[in-house]
Amino acid sequence: MATYVAVSNIDKRNSYMIDYTPYNKGLVHIFRDELRKINEGLYIGMGYLNFPGGSRINFPFILHGKTGK
């Protein structure tokens, strides 16, 4: 996967992007995630599939727990 900070596809603010397209084929090839840090132990995310022609399916999720610090 490739990771970078870029403008969100959801609200046009900066978001941490996780892009699976460079290294995968099939359905995973069109899958991307966006993450935002809420506090030290909570992140919210949105996964989405970008289909040719602009159709999108969204998958909200959370990451919760201690970091490796």
N, C-alpha and C. Protein backbone atom coordinates (compact mmCIF):
# COMPACT_ATOMS: atom_id res chain seq x y z
N MET A 1 0.84 -1.18 0.00
CA MET A 1 0.00 0.00 0.00
C MET A 1 0.88 1.24 0.00
N ALA A 2 0.36 2.30 -0.52
CA ALA A 2 1.02 3.60 -0.49
C ALA A 2 0.30 4.47 0.53
N THR A 3 1.04 5.27 1.28
CA THR A 3 0.43 6.17 2.26
C THR A 3 0.93 7.58 2.03
N TYR A 4 0.04 8.54 2.27
CA TYR A 4 0.38 9.94 2.07
C TYR A 4 -0.73 10.80 2.66
N VAL A 5 -0.45 12.07 2.85
CA VAL A 5 -1.45 13.04 3.28
C VAL A 5 -1.94 13.77 2.03
N ALA A 6 -3.27 13.83 1.88
CA ALA A 6 -3.86 14.48 0.71
C ALA A 6 -5.24 15.00 1.08
N VAL A 7 -5.82 15.74 0.15
CA VAL A 7 -7.16 16.29 0.33
C VAL A 7 -8.17 15.15 0.31
N SER A 8 -9.04 15.13 1.31
CA SER A 8 -10.05 14.10 1.43
C SER A 8 -11.05 14.14 0.29
N ASN A 9 -11.49 12.97 -0.12
CA ASN A 9 -12.56 12.88 -1.12
C ASN A 9 -13.92 13.14 -0.50
N ILE A 10 -13.96 13.22 0.83
CA ILE A 10 -15.23 13.37 1.53
C ILE A 10 -15.53 14.82 1.87
N ASP A 11 -14.56 15.52 2.51
CA ASP A 11 -14.84 16.90 2.93
C ASP A 11 -13.77 17.90 2.51
N LYS A 12 -12.85 17.50 1.66
CA LYS A 12 -11.83 18.39 1.08
C LYS A 12 -10.83 18.92 2.10
N ARG A 13 -10.72 18.28 3.29
CA ARG A 13 -9.71 18.62 4.28
C ARG A 13 -8.59 17.59 4.18
N ASN A 14 -7.42 17.90 4.77
CA ASN A 14 -6.32 16.94 4.73
C ASN A 14 -6.67 15.68 5.51
N SER A 15 -6.25 14.55 4.98
CA SER A 15 -6.51 13.26 5.59
C SER A 15 -5.35 12.34 5.29
N TYR A 16 -5.09 11.38 6.18
CA TYR A 16 -4.07 10.37 5.95
C TYR A 16 -4.66 9.32 5.02
N MET A 17 -4.08 9.16 3.87
CA MET A 17 -4.62 8.27 2.85
C MET A 17 -3.85 6.95 2.81
N ILE A 18 -4.58 5.86 2.64
CA ILE A 18 -3.99 4.55 2.44
C ILE A 18 -4.52 4.05 1.10
N ASP A 19 -3.61 3.90 0.16
CA ASP A 19 -3.98 3.59 -1.23
C ASP A 19 -3.44 2.20 -1.59
N TYR A 20 -4.34 1.28 -1.85
CA TYR A 20 -3.97 -0.09 -2.16
C TYR A 20 -3.78 -0.33 -3.67
N THR A 21 -4.07 0.66 -4.49
CA THR A 21 -4.09 0.46 -5.93
C THR A 21 -2.73 0.14 -6.56
N PRO A 22 -1.60 0.70 -6.08
CA PRO A 22 -0.34 0.44 -6.79
C PRO A 22 0.12 -1.02 -6.74
N TYR A 23 -0.30 -1.79 -5.77
CA TYR A 23 0.28 -3.11 -5.55
C TYR A 23 -0.72 -4.26 -5.58
N ASN A 24 -1.95 -3.99 -5.95
CA ASN A 24 -2.98 -5.03 -5.90
C ASN A 24 -3.78 -5.07 -7.20
N LYS A 25 -4.48 -6.18 -7.39
CA LYS A 25 -5.34 -6.35 -8.55
C LYS A 25 -6.75 -6.67 -8.07
N GLY A 26 -7.68 -6.74 -8.99
CA GLY A 26 -9.05 -7.08 -8.66
C GLY A 26 -9.72 -6.00 -7.83
N LEU A 27 -10.63 -6.41 -6.94
CA LEU A 27 -11.40 -5.47 -6.14
C LEU A 27 -10.51 -4.62 -5.23
N VAL A 28 -9.43 -5.20 -4.70
CA VAL A 28 -8.53 -4.45 -3.82
C VAL A 28 -7.84 -3.32 -4.59
N HIS A 29 -7.72 -3.47 -5.89
CA HIS A 29 -7.06 -2.44 -6.71
C HIS A 29 -7.81 -1.10 -6.70
N ILE A 30 -9.09 -1.12 -6.45
CA ILE A 30 -9.85 0.13 -6.45
C ILE A 30 -10.23 0.57 -5.04
N PHE A 31 -9.60 -0.01 -4.01
CA PHE A 31 -9.92 0.28 -2.62
C PHE A 31 -8.95 1.29 -2.03
N ARG A 32 -9.49 2.28 -1.29
CA ARG A 32 -8.69 3.29 -0.60
C ARG A 32 -9.30 3.54 0.77
N ASP A 33 -8.45 3.95 1.73
CA ASP A 33 -8.90 4.34 3.06
C ASP A 33 -8.44 5.76 3.35
N GLU A 34 -9.21 6.46 4.19
CA GLU A 34 -8.82 7.75 4.75
C GLU A 34 -8.91 7.64 6.26
N LEU A 35 -7.93 8.19 6.97
CA LEU A 35 -7.92 8.15 8.43
C LEU A 35 -7.75 9.53 9.02
N ARG A 36 -8.41 9.77 10.15
CA ARG A 36 -8.24 11.00 10.93
C ARG A 36 -8.08 10.65 12.40
N LYS A 37 -7.10 11.27 13.04
CA LYS A 37 -6.85 11.05 14.46
C LYS A 37 -7.82 11.90 15.28
N ILE A 38 -8.55 11.26 16.18
CA ILE A 38 -9.48 11.96 17.07
C ILE A 38 -8.79 12.26 18.40
N ASN A 39 -8.11 11.26 18.96
CA ASN A 39 -7.30 11.45 20.17
C ASN A 39 -6.24 10.35 20.18
N GLU A 40 -5.50 10.22 21.28
CA GLU A 40 -4.38 9.27 21.35
C GLU A 40 -4.78 7.83 21.05
N GLY A 41 -5.98 7.44 21.34
CA GLY A 41 -6.37 6.05 21.13
C GLY A 41 -7.50 5.83 20.16
N LEU A 42 -7.90 6.87 19.42
CA LEU A 42 -9.07 6.73 18.55
C LEU A 42 -8.83 7.39 17.20
N TYR A 43 -9.06 6.62 16.15
CA TYR A 43 -9.01 7.12 14.78
C TYR A 43 -10.32 6.75 14.09
N ILE A 44 -10.81 7.65 13.27
CA ILE A 44 -11.98 7.32 12.45
C ILE A 44 -11.50 7.19 11.00
N GLY A 45 -12.16 6.32 10.29
CA GLY A 45 -11.75 6.10 8.91
C GLY A 45 -12.93 5.90 7.99
N MET A 46 -12.64 6.06 6.71
CA MET A 46 -13.62 5.79 5.68
C MET A 46 -12.90 5.03 4.58
N GLY A 47 -13.35 3.81 4.35
CA GLY A 47 -12.85 3.05 3.22
C GLY A 47 -13.83 3.22 2.08
N TYR A 48 -13.32 3.21 0.87
CA TYR A 48 -14.24 3.32 -0.26
C TYR A 48 -13.68 2.63 -1.49
N LEU A 49 -14.59 2.17 -2.31
CA LEU A 49 -14.28 1.57 -3.60
C LEU A 49 -14.63 2.60 -4.66
N ASN A 50 -13.69 2.89 -5.53
CA ASN A 50 -13.93 3.81 -6.65
C ASN A 50 -14.11 2.99 -7.92
N PHE A 51 -15.32 2.94 -8.40
CA PHE A 51 -15.60 2.21 -9.62
C PHE A 51 -15.42 3.11 -10.83
N PRO A 52 -15.03 2.55 -11.97
CA PRO A 52 -14.95 3.36 -13.18
C PRO A 52 -16.29 4.05 -13.45
N GLY A 53 -16.23 5.29 -13.84
CA GLY A 53 -17.45 6.05 -14.08
C GLY A 53 -17.91 6.86 -12.89
N GLY A 54 -17.18 6.79 -11.75
CA GLY A 54 -17.46 7.65 -10.62
C GLY A 54 -18.31 7.06 -9.51
N SER A 55 -18.81 5.86 -9.64
CA SER A 55 -19.61 5.26 -8.59
C SER A 55 -18.73 4.94 -7.39
N ARG A 56 -19.25 5.16 -6.18
CA ARG A 56 -18.47 4.93 -4.96
C ARG A 56 -19.32 4.22 -3.91
N ILE A 57 -18.68 3.28 -3.21
CA ILE A 57 -19.30 2.61 -2.06
C ILE A 57 -18.42 2.91 -0.85
N ASN A 58 -19.01 3.45 0.23
CA ASN A 58 -18.26 3.84 1.43
C ASN A 58 -18.40 2.81 2.55
N PHE A 59 -17.30 2.65 3.31
CA PHE A 59 -17.26 1.74 4.45
C PHE A 59 -16.67 2.47 5.65
N PRO A 60 -17.46 3.02 6.57
CA PRO A 60 -16.91 3.69 7.75
C PRO A 60 -16.34 2.67 8.74
N PHE A 61 -15.29 3.06 9.47
CA PHE A 61 -14.70 2.19 10.47
C PHE A 61 -13.97 3.01 11.53
N ILE A 62 -13.64 2.40 12.65
CA ILE A 62 -12.82 3.05 13.69
C ILE A 62 -11.65 2.15 14.02
N LEU A 63 -10.56 2.77 14.46
CA LEU A 63 -9.41 2.08 15.02
C LEU A 63 -9.29 2.57 16.44
N HIS A 64 -9.24 1.64 17.39
CA HIS A 64 -9.25 2.03 18.80
C HIS A 64 -8.24 1.18 19.55
N GLY A 65 -7.49 1.81 20.45
CA GLY A 65 -6.55 1.07 21.27
C GLY A 65 -5.25 1.82 21.42
N LYS A 66 -4.34 1.23 22.17
CA LYS A 66 -3.05 1.86 22.42
C LYS A 66 -2.18 1.76 21.18
N THR A 67 -1.36 2.78 20.98
CA THR A 67 -0.37 2.75 19.90
C THR A 67 0.87 2.05 20.38
N GLY A 68 1.82 1.84 19.51
CA GLY A 68 3.04 1.14 19.86
C GLY A 68 4.08 1.97 20.57
N LYS A 69 3.69 3.12 21.12
CA LYS A 69 4.64 4.00 21.81
C LYS A 69 5.04 3.44 23.14
